[in-house]
Protein backbone atom coordinates (compact mmCIF):
# COMPACT_ATOMS: atom_id res chain seq x y z
CA MET A 1 7.30 -6.89 -10.03
CA GLU A 2 4.14 -4.83 -12.10
CA PRO A 3 4.37 -2.15 -14.14
CA VAL A 4 1.74 -0.84 -12.06
CA PHE A 5 4.20 -0.65 -9.17
CA ALA A 6 6.97 0.28 -10.84
CA ALA A 7 5.46 3.14 -11.91
CA ARG A 8 3.59 4.75 -8.79
CA ALA A 9 7.38 3.91 -7.70
CA ALA A 10 8.75 6.27 -10.03
CA ALA A 11 5.86 8.86 -9.88
CA ALA A 12 6.31 8.89 -5.88
CA ALA A 13 10.57 9.40 -6.10
CA GLU A 14 10.02 12.14 -8.48
CA THR A 15 7.35 14.01 -6.04
CA PRO A 16 9.17 15.95 -3.22
CA PRO A 17 7.82 14.77 0.09
CA ARG A 18 5.84 16.54 2.03
CA SER A 19 7.10 14.81 5.28
CA SER A 20 9.43 15.40 8.35
CA SER A 21 12.38 14.89 5.68
CA GLU A 22 11.84 17.68 3.77
CA GLY A 23 14.60 18.58 0.92
CA LYS A 24 16.24 15.10 1.47
CA PRO A 25 15.61 12.76 -1.74
CA PRO A 26 13.03 10.07 -1.33
CA THR A 27 14.79 7.02 0.54
CA PRO A 28 14.68 3.65 -1.07
CA VAL A 29 12.92 2.71 1.90
CA LEU A 30 9.96 5.08 1.01
CA CYS A 31 9.58 3.75 -1.71
CA TYR A 32 9.20 0.30 -0.34
CA THR A 33 6.63 1.68 2.06
CA ILE A 34 5.10 3.25 -0.62
CA LEU A 35 5.13 -1.00 -1.85
CA ARG A 36 4.13 -2.07 0.90
CA ASN A 37 1.58 -0.13 1.28
CA GLU A 38 -0.11 -0.97 -2.67
CA LYS A 39 -0.25 -4.96 -1.18
CA ALA A 40 -1.66 -3.91 2.06
CA VAL A 41 -5.46 -2.07 0.38
CA ALA A 42 -5.48 -5.29 -1.35
CA SER A 43 -5.36 -7.23 0.77
CA ARG A 44 -7.03 -4.97 2.72
CA ARG A 45 -10.55 -5.14 0.65
CA ALA A 46 -9.64 -9.35 0.45
CA ARG A 47 -9.49 -9.58 4.36
CA ARG A 48 -13.01 -7.43 4.57
CA CYS A 49 -14.63 -9.75 1.66
CA VAL A 50 -13.47 -13.17 3.60
CA GLN A 51 -14.79 -11.56 7.04
CA ARG A 52 -18.35 -10.91 5.78
CA ARG A 53 -18.49 -14.09 4.71
CA ALA A 54 -17.45 -15.49 7.87
CA GLN A 55 -20.63 -13.13 9.39
CA ARG A 56 -22.81 -14.28 6.94
CA LYS A 57 -22.05 -18.49 7.55
CA GLY A 58 -22.05 -18.07 11.16
CA TYR A 59 -18.79 -18.49 12.18
CA LEU A 60 -18.81 -14.94 14.17
CA ALA A 61 -20.41 -13.77 16.95
């Protein structure tokens, strides 16, 4: 696991949850979701780049 993700997960675990689970400590699932979101942001950026390239080459209508 990259140190950046580990640091973000640690910071997320320290901050109190602002959702409906107020007062409850953040679950491992919450940390896992945060990590998945971090990776999703990077892949979304890559996907947009691929779509633009495909459009330029005329693959997309």
